[in-house]
């Protein structure tokens, strides 16, 4: 959990469903308009597929699906936030995140949140690095490293799960 205090930090804010979220501005490489996503067979439901950005293949995640939010607009009206996520002992992972709307880089005031029920992510509080305020709105700061670790764990569990043939119990 991030330390709360009087200092303001720079974050990139965006909307998923009806919630406002933020990630450290240092994690954002760029924001692009929606581009056609090529689905990947047998991918996790929230991994929508891949896109090609200037010769680089980028996986695109829909955190609304991961967080069990309803989409507020058609997918082709979304933006894709291209992030770079640190990984211990490995090169950073580049991941695209679908966002209903994107805001701008903002200085957010971190607030103490030990006793706050995050509401928006009741089963995934570990994905929240902290809570901040922007004007009179609470903003949940996502922990991209924990989200990426969770995705990797889930992918590994699917990869190593035994395959059942039709008719097997």
N, C-alpha and C. Protein backbone atom coordinates (compact mmCIF):
# COMPACT_ATOMS: atom_id res chain seq x y z
N UNK A 1 0.85 -1.18 0.00
CA UNK A 1 0.00 0.00 0.00
C UNK A 1 0.90 1.24 0.00
N UNK A 2 0.51 2.20 -0.81
CA UNK A 2 1.28 3.45 -0.87
C UNK A 2 1.13 4.21 0.43
N UNK A 3 2.15 4.94 0.76
CA UNK A 3 2.10 5.78 1.95
C UNK A 3 1.24 7.00 1.67
N UNK A 4 0.34 7.31 2.58
CA UNK A 4 -0.44 8.54 2.41
C UNK A 4 0.37 9.69 3.00
N UNK A 5 0.03 10.86 2.58
CA UNK A 5 0.76 12.00 3.09
C UNK A 5 0.36 13.26 2.38
N UNK A 6 1.08 14.31 2.66
CA UNK A 6 0.72 15.60 2.10
C UNK A 6 1.26 15.81 0.70
N UNK A 7 2.27 15.04 0.29
CA UNK A 7 2.84 15.25 -1.03
C UNK A 7 1.88 14.76 -2.11
N UNK A 8 1.97 15.40 -3.25
CA UNK A 8 1.15 15.00 -4.38
C UNK A 8 2.05 14.32 -5.40
N UNK A 9 1.56 13.25 -5.99
CA UNK A 9 2.30 12.48 -6.98
C UNK A 9 1.60 12.61 -8.33
N UNK A 10 2.35 12.40 -9.41
CA UNK A 10 1.77 12.44 -10.75
C UNK A 10 1.24 11.06 -11.15
N UNK A 11 -0.02 11.03 -11.54
CA UNK A 11 -0.69 9.80 -11.96
C UNK A 11 -1.46 10.06 -13.23
N UNK A 12 -1.64 9.00 -13.99
CA UNK A 12 -2.47 9.04 -15.18
C UNK A 12 -3.82 8.47 -14.79
N UNK A 13 -4.89 9.23 -14.95
CA UNK A 13 -6.21 8.78 -14.53
C UNK A 13 -7.04 8.37 -15.73
N UNK A 14 -7.93 7.41 -15.49
CA UNK A 14 -8.80 6.90 -16.54
C UNK A 14 -10.03 6.25 -15.91
N UNK A 15 -11.03 5.99 -16.74
CA UNK A 15 -12.28 5.42 -16.26
C UNK A 15 -12.45 4.00 -16.78
N UNK A 16 -12.85 3.12 -15.87
CA UNK A 16 -13.24 1.75 -16.20
C UNK A 16 -14.64 1.58 -15.63
N UNK A 17 -15.62 1.34 -16.49
CA UNK A 17 -16.99 1.29 -16.00
C UNK A 17 -17.33 2.64 -15.40
N UNK A 18 -17.82 2.64 -14.17
CA UNK A 18 -18.15 3.91 -13.52
C UNK A 18 -17.07 4.34 -12.53
N UNK A 19 -15.98 3.59 -12.43
CA UNK A 19 -14.91 3.92 -11.48
C UNK A 19 -13.79 4.72 -12.12
N UNK A 20 -13.14 5.52 -11.30
CA UNK A 20 -11.98 6.29 -11.73
C UNK A 20 -10.74 5.63 -11.13
N UNK A 21 -9.77 5.35 -11.98
CA UNK A 21 -8.56 4.65 -11.58
C UNK A 21 -7.35 5.45 -12.00
N UNK A 22 -6.20 5.11 -11.44
CA UNK A 22 -4.96 5.79 -11.78
C UNK A 22 -3.82 4.80 -11.75
N UNK A 23 -2.80 5.13 -12.54
CA UNK A 23 -1.55 4.39 -12.51
C UNK A 23 -0.43 5.41 -12.52
N UNK A 24 0.73 5.07 -12.00
CA UNK A 24 1.84 6.04 -12.02
C UNK A 24 2.14 6.47 -13.45
N UNK A 25 2.35 7.75 -13.63
CA UNK A 25 2.61 8.27 -14.97
C UNK A 25 3.86 7.63 -15.57
N UNK A 26 4.78 7.21 -14.74
CA UNK A 26 6.00 6.57 -15.23
C UNK A 26 5.73 5.22 -15.88
N UNK A 27 4.54 4.62 -15.65
CA UNK A 27 4.19 3.33 -16.26
C UNK A 27 3.55 3.49 -17.63
N UNK A 28 3.16 4.71 -18.01
CA UNK A 28 2.44 4.92 -19.26
C UNK A 28 3.43 5.27 -20.37
N UNK A 29 3.42 4.43 -21.43
CA UNK A 29 4.27 4.71 -22.59
C UNK A 29 3.55 5.63 -23.57
N UNK A 30 2.26 5.33 -23.81
CA UNK A 30 1.47 6.14 -24.72
C UNK A 30 0.01 5.74 -24.60
N UNK A 31 -0.86 6.57 -25.18
CA UNK A 31 -2.28 6.27 -25.26
C UNK A 31 -2.65 6.34 -26.73
N UNK A 32 -3.35 5.30 -27.20
CA UNK A 32 -3.76 5.28 -28.60
C UNK A 32 -5.27 5.09 -28.69
N UNK A 33 -5.83 5.50 -29.81
CA UNK A 33 -7.23 5.21 -30.07
C UNK A 33 -7.36 3.72 -30.30
N UNK A 34 -8.56 3.21 -30.10
CA UNK A 34 -8.81 1.79 -30.29
C UNK A 34 -8.30 1.35 -31.65
N UNK A 35 -7.65 0.22 -31.69
CA UNK A 35 -7.20 -0.39 -32.91
C UNK A 35 -7.73 -1.83 -32.91
N UNK A 36 -7.89 -2.42 -34.07
CA UNK A 36 -8.40 -3.78 -34.15
C UNK A 36 -7.52 -4.72 -33.33
N UNK A 37 -8.17 -5.47 -32.46
CA UNK A 37 -7.48 -6.43 -31.61
C UNK A 37 -7.65 -7.82 -32.22
N UNK A 38 -6.54 -8.51 -32.41
CA UNK A 38 -6.58 -9.86 -32.94
C UNK A 38 -6.73 -10.83 -31.77
N UNK A 39 -7.85 -11.56 -31.73
CA UNK A 39 -8.06 -12.50 -30.62
C UNK A 39 -7.01 -13.61 -30.63
N UNK A 40 -6.71 -14.13 -29.45
CA UNK A 40 -5.79 -15.25 -29.28
C UNK A 40 -6.62 -16.44 -28.78
N UNK A 41 -6.58 -17.56 -29.49
CA UNK A 41 -7.37 -18.72 -29.08
C UNK A 41 -7.04 -19.15 -27.64
N UNK A 42 -8.07 -19.54 -26.91
CA UNK A 42 -7.98 -20.08 -25.55
C UNK A 42 -7.37 -19.10 -24.55
N UNK A 43 -7.45 -17.79 -24.84
CA UNK A 43 -6.94 -16.78 -23.91
C UNK A 43 -7.91 -16.61 -22.75
N UNK A 44 -7.40 -16.08 -21.65
CA UNK A 44 -8.26 -15.76 -20.52
C UNK A 44 -9.31 -14.74 -20.97
N UNK A 45 -10.50 -14.74 -20.40
CA UNK A 45 -11.58 -13.88 -20.88
C UNK A 45 -11.23 -12.38 -20.92
N UNK A 46 -10.40 -11.92 -20.00
CA UNK A 46 -10.07 -10.50 -19.96
C UNK A 46 -8.86 -10.14 -20.82
N UNK A 47 -8.19 -11.13 -21.38
CA UNK A 47 -7.11 -10.86 -22.33
C UNK A 47 -7.74 -10.88 -23.72
N UNK A 48 -7.99 -9.70 -24.24
CA UNK A 48 -8.76 -9.55 -25.47
C UNK A 48 -8.01 -9.97 -26.72
N UNK A 49 -6.69 -9.97 -26.67
CA UNK A 49 -5.91 -10.35 -27.83
C UNK A 49 -4.67 -9.49 -27.93
N UNK A 50 -4.20 -9.31 -29.17
CA UNK A 50 -2.97 -8.55 -29.39
C UNK A 50 -3.19 -7.49 -30.48
N UNK A 51 -2.36 -6.45 -30.42
CA UNK A 51 -2.33 -5.42 -31.44
C UNK A 51 -0.88 -5.24 -31.88
N UNK A 52 -0.70 -4.66 -33.03
CA UNK A 52 0.63 -4.38 -33.54
C UNK A 52 0.83 -2.87 -33.50
N UNK A 53 1.80 -2.45 -32.72
CA UNK A 53 2.15 -1.02 -32.65
C UNK A 53 3.57 -0.86 -33.16
N UNK A 54 3.68 -0.30 -34.33
CA UNK A 54 4.98 -0.04 -34.95
C UNK A 54 5.90 -1.26 -34.91
N UNK A 55 5.35 -2.42 -35.25
CA UNK A 55 6.15 -3.64 -35.32
C UNK A 55 6.25 -4.42 -34.03
N UNK A 56 5.71 -3.91 -32.94
CA UNK A 56 5.73 -4.63 -31.67
C UNK A 56 4.34 -5.21 -31.39
N UNK A 57 4.30 -6.48 -31.02
CA UNK A 57 3.04 -7.13 -30.68
C UNK A 57 2.78 -6.90 -29.19
N UNK A 58 1.61 -6.30 -28.90
CA UNK A 58 1.25 -5.92 -27.53
C UNK A 58 -0.02 -6.65 -27.13
N UNK A 59 -0.01 -7.32 -25.97
CA UNK A 59 -1.20 -7.95 -25.42
C UNK A 59 -2.11 -6.85 -24.86
N UNK A 60 -3.42 -7.00 -25.09
CA UNK A 60 -4.39 -6.01 -24.61
C UNK A 60 -5.31 -6.69 -23.59
N UNK A 61 -5.40 -6.07 -22.41
CA UNK A 61 -6.26 -6.58 -21.33
C UNK A 61 -7.44 -5.65 -21.13
N UNK A 62 -8.58 -6.24 -20.84
CA UNK A 62 -9.78 -5.47 -20.51
C UNK A 62 -10.00 -5.65 -19.01
N UNK A 63 -9.51 -4.70 -18.23
CA UNK A 63 -9.62 -4.82 -16.78
C UNK A 63 -11.06 -4.75 -16.31
N UNK A 64 -11.96 -4.21 -17.15
CA UNK A 64 -13.39 -4.21 -16.78
C UNK A 64 -13.87 -5.65 -16.62
N UNK A 65 -13.43 -6.54 -17.51
CA UNK A 65 -13.82 -7.95 -17.42
C UNK A 65 -13.18 -8.58 -16.19
N UNK A 66 -11.88 -8.31 -15.97
CA UNK A 66 -11.18 -8.84 -14.80
C UNK A 66 -11.85 -8.39 -13.50
N UNK A 67 -12.30 -7.12 -13.46
CA UNK A 67 -12.91 -6.57 -12.25
C UNK A 67 -14.42 -6.80 -12.20
N UNK A 68 -14.97 -7.44 -13.24
CA UNK A 68 -16.41 -7.72 -13.32
C UNK A 68 -17.25 -6.45 -13.41
N UNK A 69 -16.80 -5.49 -14.22
CA UNK A 69 -17.55 -4.25 -14.48
C UNK A 69 -18.29 -4.38 -15.79
N UNK A 70 -19.38 -3.67 -15.91
CA UNK A 70 -20.08 -3.58 -17.19
C UNK A 70 -19.40 -2.51 -18.04
N UNK A 71 -19.32 -2.77 -19.33
CA UNK A 71 -18.77 -1.77 -20.25
C UNK A 71 -19.77 -0.62 -20.36
N UNK A 72 -19.27 0.61 -20.42
CA UNK A 72 -20.17 1.75 -20.54
C UNK A 72 -20.22 2.28 -21.96
N UNK A 73 -19.37 1.73 -22.84
CA UNK A 73 -19.38 2.13 -24.24
C UNK A 73 -18.85 0.99 -25.09
N UNK A 74 -19.18 0.99 -26.39
CA UNK A 74 -18.68 -0.08 -27.26
C UNK A 74 -17.15 -0.11 -27.28
N UNK A 75 -16.59 -1.30 -27.43
CA UNK A 75 -15.14 -1.47 -27.35
C UNK A 75 -14.40 -0.58 -28.35
N UNK A 76 -14.95 -0.39 -29.53
CA UNK A 76 -14.24 0.42 -30.53
C UNK A 76 -14.22 1.91 -30.20
N UNK A 77 -14.93 2.33 -29.16
CA UNK A 77 -14.90 3.73 -28.72
C UNK A 77 -13.90 3.94 -27.59
N UNK A 78 -13.23 2.86 -27.17
CA UNK A 78 -12.27 2.93 -26.06
C UNK A 78 -10.90 3.41 -26.53
N UNK A 79 -10.10 3.77 -25.56
CA UNK A 79 -8.69 4.04 -25.79
C UNK A 79 -7.91 2.84 -25.27
N UNK A 80 -6.66 2.74 -25.71
CA UNK A 80 -5.76 1.72 -25.18
C UNK A 80 -4.59 2.45 -24.55
N UNK A 81 -4.39 2.20 -23.26
CA UNK A 81 -3.26 2.77 -22.53
C UNK A 81 -2.14 1.74 -22.62
N UNK A 82 -1.06 2.11 -23.28
CA UNK A 82 0.07 1.21 -23.40
C UNK A 82 0.98 1.45 -22.20
N UNK A 83 1.11 0.41 -21.37
CA UNK A 83 1.88 0.53 -20.14
C UNK A 83 3.15 -0.31 -20.21
N UNK A 84 4.08 0.04 -19.36
CA UNK A 84 5.30 -0.76 -19.19
C UNK A 84 5.37 -1.10 -17.72
N UNK A 85 5.32 -2.40 -17.43
CA UNK A 85 5.22 -2.87 -16.05
C UNK A 85 6.52 -3.57 -15.65
N UNK A 86 7.10 -3.11 -14.55
CA UNK A 86 8.34 -3.72 -14.04
C UNK A 86 8.06 -5.15 -13.59
N UNK A 87 9.05 -6.02 -13.84
CA UNK A 87 8.99 -7.42 -13.40
C UNK A 87 10.32 -7.76 -12.73
N UNK A 88 10.28 -8.27 -11.52
CA UNK A 88 11.53 -8.60 -10.84
C UNK A 88 12.37 -9.59 -11.65
N UNK A 89 13.61 -9.25 -11.92
CA UNK A 89 14.53 -10.15 -12.61
C UNK A 89 14.25 -10.36 -14.09
N UNK A 90 13.33 -9.62 -14.65
CA UNK A 90 12.99 -9.76 -16.07
C UNK A 90 12.84 -8.37 -16.69
N UNK A 91 12.88 -8.31 -18.02
CA UNK A 91 12.63 -7.02 -18.66
C UNK A 91 11.19 -6.57 -18.39
N UNK A 92 10.91 -5.29 -18.45
CA UNK A 92 9.53 -4.82 -18.23
C UNK A 92 8.58 -5.44 -19.26
N UNK A 93 7.34 -5.64 -18.85
CA UNK A 93 6.29 -6.18 -19.72
C UNK A 93 5.49 -5.00 -20.27
N UNK A 94 5.26 -5.00 -21.57
CA UNK A 94 4.41 -3.98 -22.18
C UNK A 94 3.02 -4.59 -22.31
N UNK A 95 2.02 -3.87 -21.78
CA UNK A 95 0.64 -4.35 -21.76
C UNK A 95 -0.28 -3.21 -22.12
N UNK A 96 -1.21 -3.47 -23.02
CA UNK A 96 -2.24 -2.49 -23.34
C UNK A 96 -3.43 -2.69 -22.43
N UNK A 97 -3.99 -1.60 -21.94
CA UNK A 97 -5.16 -1.65 -21.06
C UNK A 97 -6.28 -0.86 -21.73
N UNK A 98 -7.42 -1.51 -21.95
CA UNK A 98 -8.58 -0.80 -22.48
C UNK A 98 -9.14 0.13 -21.42
N UNK A 99 -9.52 1.33 -21.81
CA UNK A 99 -10.12 2.29 -20.87
C UNK A 99 -11.33 2.92 -21.54
N UNK A 100 -12.42 3.06 -20.78
CA UNK A 100 -13.61 3.71 -21.32
C UNK A 100 -13.31 5.15 -21.71
N UNK A 101 -12.65 5.86 -20.83
CA UNK A 101 -12.19 7.21 -21.13
C UNK A 101 -10.84 7.41 -20.46
N UNK A 102 -10.05 8.30 -21.01
CA UNK A 102 -8.77 8.63 -20.39
C UNK A 102 -8.80 10.09 -20.00
N UNK A 103 -8.08 10.40 -18.96
CA UNK A 103 -8.00 11.76 -18.47
C UNK A 103 -6.62 12.28 -18.85
N UNK A 104 -6.01 12.97 -17.96
CA UNK A 104 -4.68 13.53 -18.20
C UNK A 104 -3.80 13.17 -17.01
N UNK A 105 -2.56 13.55 -17.10
CA UNK A 105 -1.67 13.40 -15.96
C UNK A 105 -2.12 14.40 -14.90
N UNK A 106 -2.31 13.90 -13.69
CA UNK A 106 -2.80 14.74 -12.60
C UNK A 106 -1.96 14.53 -11.36
N UNK A 107 -1.84 15.57 -10.58
CA UNK A 107 -1.26 15.41 -9.25
C UNK A 107 -2.39 15.01 -8.32
N UNK A 108 -2.22 13.85 -7.71
CA UNK A 108 -3.26 13.34 -6.82
C UNK A 108 -2.80 13.38 -5.38
N UNK A 109 -3.71 13.72 -4.51
CA UNK A 109 -3.44 13.74 -3.08
C UNK A 109 -3.77 12.37 -2.51
N UNK A 110 -2.74 11.65 -2.05
CA UNK A 110 -2.98 10.34 -1.43
C UNK A 110 -3.70 10.53 -0.11
N UNK A 111 -4.61 9.62 0.19
CA UNK A 111 -5.38 9.70 1.42
C UNK A 111 -5.23 8.40 2.20
N UNK A 112 -5.31 8.47 3.54
CA UNK A 112 -5.26 7.24 4.32
C UNK A 112 -6.46 6.37 3.96
N UNK A 113 -6.22 5.08 3.78
CA UNK A 113 -7.31 4.23 3.31
C UNK A 113 -7.35 2.86 3.98
N UNK A 114 -6.76 2.71 5.12
CA UNK A 114 -6.70 1.39 5.75
C UNK A 114 -8.09 0.85 6.06
N UNK A 115 -9.03 1.70 6.40
CA UNK A 115 -10.37 1.24 6.79
C UNK A 115 -11.42 1.45 5.71
N UNK A 116 -11.00 1.89 4.52
CA UNK A 116 -11.96 2.13 3.46
C UNK A 116 -12.21 0.83 2.71
N UNK A 117 -13.51 0.50 2.53
CA UNK A 117 -13.86 -0.63 1.67
C UNK A 117 -13.85 -0.09 0.25
N UNK A 118 -13.01 -0.63 -0.59
CA UNK A 118 -12.83 -0.08 -1.92
C UNK A 118 -14.09 -0.18 -2.78
N UNK A 119 -15.01 -1.04 -2.39
CA UNK A 119 -16.29 -1.11 -3.09
C UNK A 119 -16.17 -1.62 -4.51
N UNK A 120 -15.44 -0.90 -5.34
CA UNK A 120 -15.35 -1.24 -6.75
C UNK A 120 -14.67 -2.59 -6.98
N UNK A 121 -13.76 -2.97 -6.10
CA UNK A 121 -13.03 -4.23 -6.27
C UNK A 121 -13.07 -5.04 -4.97
N UNK A 122 -14.25 -5.45 -4.55
CA UNK A 122 -14.34 -6.10 -3.24
C UNK A 122 -13.52 -7.38 -3.12
N UNK A 123 -13.35 -8.12 -4.22
CA UNK A 123 -12.60 -9.38 -4.14
C UNK A 123 -11.15 -9.22 -4.58
N UNK A 124 -10.74 -8.04 -4.98
CA UNK A 124 -9.38 -7.84 -5.47
C UNK A 124 -8.74 -6.60 -4.85
N UNK A 125 -8.84 -6.48 -3.55
CA UNK A 125 -8.22 -5.35 -2.87
C UNK A 125 -6.71 -5.34 -3.05
N UNK A 126 -6.13 -6.52 -3.32
CA UNK A 126 -4.68 -6.61 -3.54
C UNK A 126 -4.26 -5.88 -4.81
N UNK A 127 -5.19 -5.60 -5.71
CA UNK A 127 -4.89 -4.85 -6.93
C UNK A 127 -4.82 -3.35 -6.69
N UNK A 128 -5.17 -2.90 -5.48
CA UNK A 128 -5.19 -1.47 -5.17
C UNK A 128 -3.93 -1.10 -4.39
N UNK A 129 -3.15 -0.17 -4.95
CA UNK A 129 -1.93 0.28 -4.29
C UNK A 129 -2.22 1.43 -3.33
N UNK A 130 -3.31 2.13 -3.53
CA UNK A 130 -3.64 3.26 -2.67
C UNK A 130 -4.89 3.96 -3.16
N UNK A 131 -5.30 4.94 -2.38
CA UNK A 131 -6.48 5.75 -2.70
C UNK A 131 -6.04 7.20 -2.71
N UNK A 132 -6.57 7.94 -3.66
CA UNK A 132 -6.23 9.36 -3.76
C UNK A 132 -7.52 10.14 -4.00
N UNK A 133 -7.37 11.46 -3.90
CA UNK A 133 -8.50 12.34 -4.21
C UNK A 133 -8.10 13.25 -5.35
N UNK A 134 -9.04 13.41 -6.26
CA UNK A 134 -8.89 14.39 -7.34
C UNK A 134 -10.13 15.25 -7.26
N UNK A 135 -9.94 16.50 -6.89
CA UNK A 135 -11.07 17.38 -6.58
C UNK A 135 -11.88 16.70 -5.47
N UNK A 136 -13.14 16.37 -5.72
CA UNK A 136 -13.93 15.72 -4.67
C UNK A 136 -14.17 14.24 -4.97
N UNK A 137 -13.45 13.69 -5.93
CA UNK A 137 -13.65 12.31 -6.35
C UNK A 137 -12.52 11.42 -5.82
N UNK A 138 -12.90 10.25 -5.31
CA UNK A 138 -11.89 9.27 -4.90
C UNK A 138 -11.41 8.51 -6.12
N UNK A 139 -10.13 8.26 -6.17
CA UNK A 139 -9.49 7.56 -7.28
C UNK A 139 -8.72 6.37 -6.70
N UNK A 140 -8.93 5.19 -7.29
CA UNK A 140 -8.19 4.01 -6.86
C UNK A 140 -6.93 3.88 -7.70
N UNK A 141 -5.79 3.79 -7.04
CA UNK A 141 -4.51 3.65 -7.73
C UNK A 141 -4.22 2.16 -7.86
N UNK A 142 -4.09 1.71 -9.11
CA UNK A 142 -3.88 0.28 -9.37
C UNK A 142 -2.42 -0.11 -9.17
N UNK A 143 -2.23 -1.33 -8.70
CA UNK A 143 -0.89 -1.91 -8.55
C UNK A 143 -0.67 -2.81 -9.77
N UNK A 144 -0.09 -2.26 -10.82
CA UNK A 144 0.09 -2.99 -12.07
C UNK A 144 0.95 -4.24 -11.90
N UNK A 145 1.94 -4.19 -11.01
CA UNK A 145 2.79 -5.36 -10.80
C UNK A 145 1.97 -6.53 -10.24
N UNK A 146 1.08 -6.26 -9.30
CA UNK A 146 0.25 -7.33 -8.73
C UNK A 146 -0.77 -7.84 -9.75
N UNK A 147 -1.30 -6.95 -10.56
CA UNK A 147 -2.24 -7.38 -11.60
C UNK A 147 -1.52 -8.28 -12.59
N UNK A 148 -0.33 -7.88 -13.02
CA UNK A 148 0.44 -8.69 -13.96
C UNK A 148 0.80 -10.05 -13.35
N UNK A 149 1.21 -10.06 -12.09
CA UNK A 149 1.55 -11.33 -11.41
C UNK A 149 0.33 -12.24 -11.36
N UNK A 150 -0.85 -11.68 -11.10
CA UNK A 150 -2.08 -12.46 -11.05
C UNK A 150 -2.41 -13.04 -12.43
N UNK A 151 -2.24 -12.23 -13.47
CA UNK A 151 -2.49 -12.71 -14.83
C UNK A 151 -1.55 -13.88 -15.16
N UNK A 152 -0.27 -13.71 -14.82
CA UNK A 152 0.71 -14.77 -15.10
C UNK A 152 0.35 -16.06 -14.35
N UNK A 153 -0.06 -15.94 -13.07
CA UNK A 153 -0.44 -17.12 -12.28
C UNK A 153 -1.64 -17.82 -12.91
N UNK A 154 -2.62 -17.03 -13.33
CA UNK A 154 -3.82 -17.61 -13.92
C UNK A 154 -3.50 -18.28 -15.26
N UNK A 155 -2.63 -17.66 -16.05
CA UNK A 155 -2.23 -18.26 -17.33
C UNK A 155 -1.49 -19.57 -17.10
N UNK A 156 -0.63 -19.61 -16.09
CA UNK A 156 0.12 -20.83 -15.78
C UNK A 156 -0.83 -21.93 -15.30
N UNK A 157 -1.82 -21.56 -14.49
CA UNK A 157 -2.80 -22.55 -14.01
C UNK A 157 -3.58 -23.14 -15.17
N UNK A 158 -3.96 -22.32 -16.14
CA UNK A 158 -4.68 -22.80 -17.31
C UNK A 158 -3.77 -23.70 -18.14
N UNK A 159 -2.53 -23.27 -18.32
CA UNK A 159 -1.58 -24.01 -19.15
C UNK A 159 -1.30 -25.40 -18.58
N UNK A 160 -1.24 -25.53 -17.26
CA UNK A 160 -0.88 -26.81 -16.64
C UNK A 160 -2.07 -27.65 -16.22
N UNK A 161 -3.29 -27.13 -16.45
CA UNK A 161 -4.49 -27.88 -16.08
C UNK A 161 -4.62 -29.10 -16.98
N UNK A 162 -5.04 -30.23 -16.41
CA UNK A 162 -5.21 -31.42 -17.24
C UNK A 162 -6.32 -31.21 -18.27
N UNK A 163 -6.11 -31.74 -19.44
CA UNK A 163 -7.09 -31.63 -20.52
C UNK A 163 -8.04 -32.80 -20.42
N UNK A 164 -9.35 -32.50 -20.41
CA UNK A 164 -10.37 -33.55 -20.36
C UNK A 164 -10.95 -33.72 -21.74
N UNK A 165 -10.99 -34.95 -22.17
CA UNK A 165 -11.59 -35.26 -23.45
C UNK A 165 -13.10 -35.37 -23.28
N UNK A 166 -13.86 -35.17 -24.36
CA UNK A 166 -15.33 -35.31 -24.26
C UNK A 166 -15.68 -36.68 -23.70
N UNK A 167 -16.59 -36.68 -22.75
CA UNK A 167 -17.04 -37.93 -22.14
C UNK A 167 -16.27 -38.31 -20.88
N UNK A 168 -15.12 -37.67 -20.63
CA UNK A 168 -14.36 -37.96 -19.40
C UNK A 168 -14.98 -37.23 -18.23
N UNK A 169 -14.84 -37.84 -17.06
CA UNK A 169 -15.39 -37.22 -15.85
C UNK A 169 -14.33 -36.53 -15.07
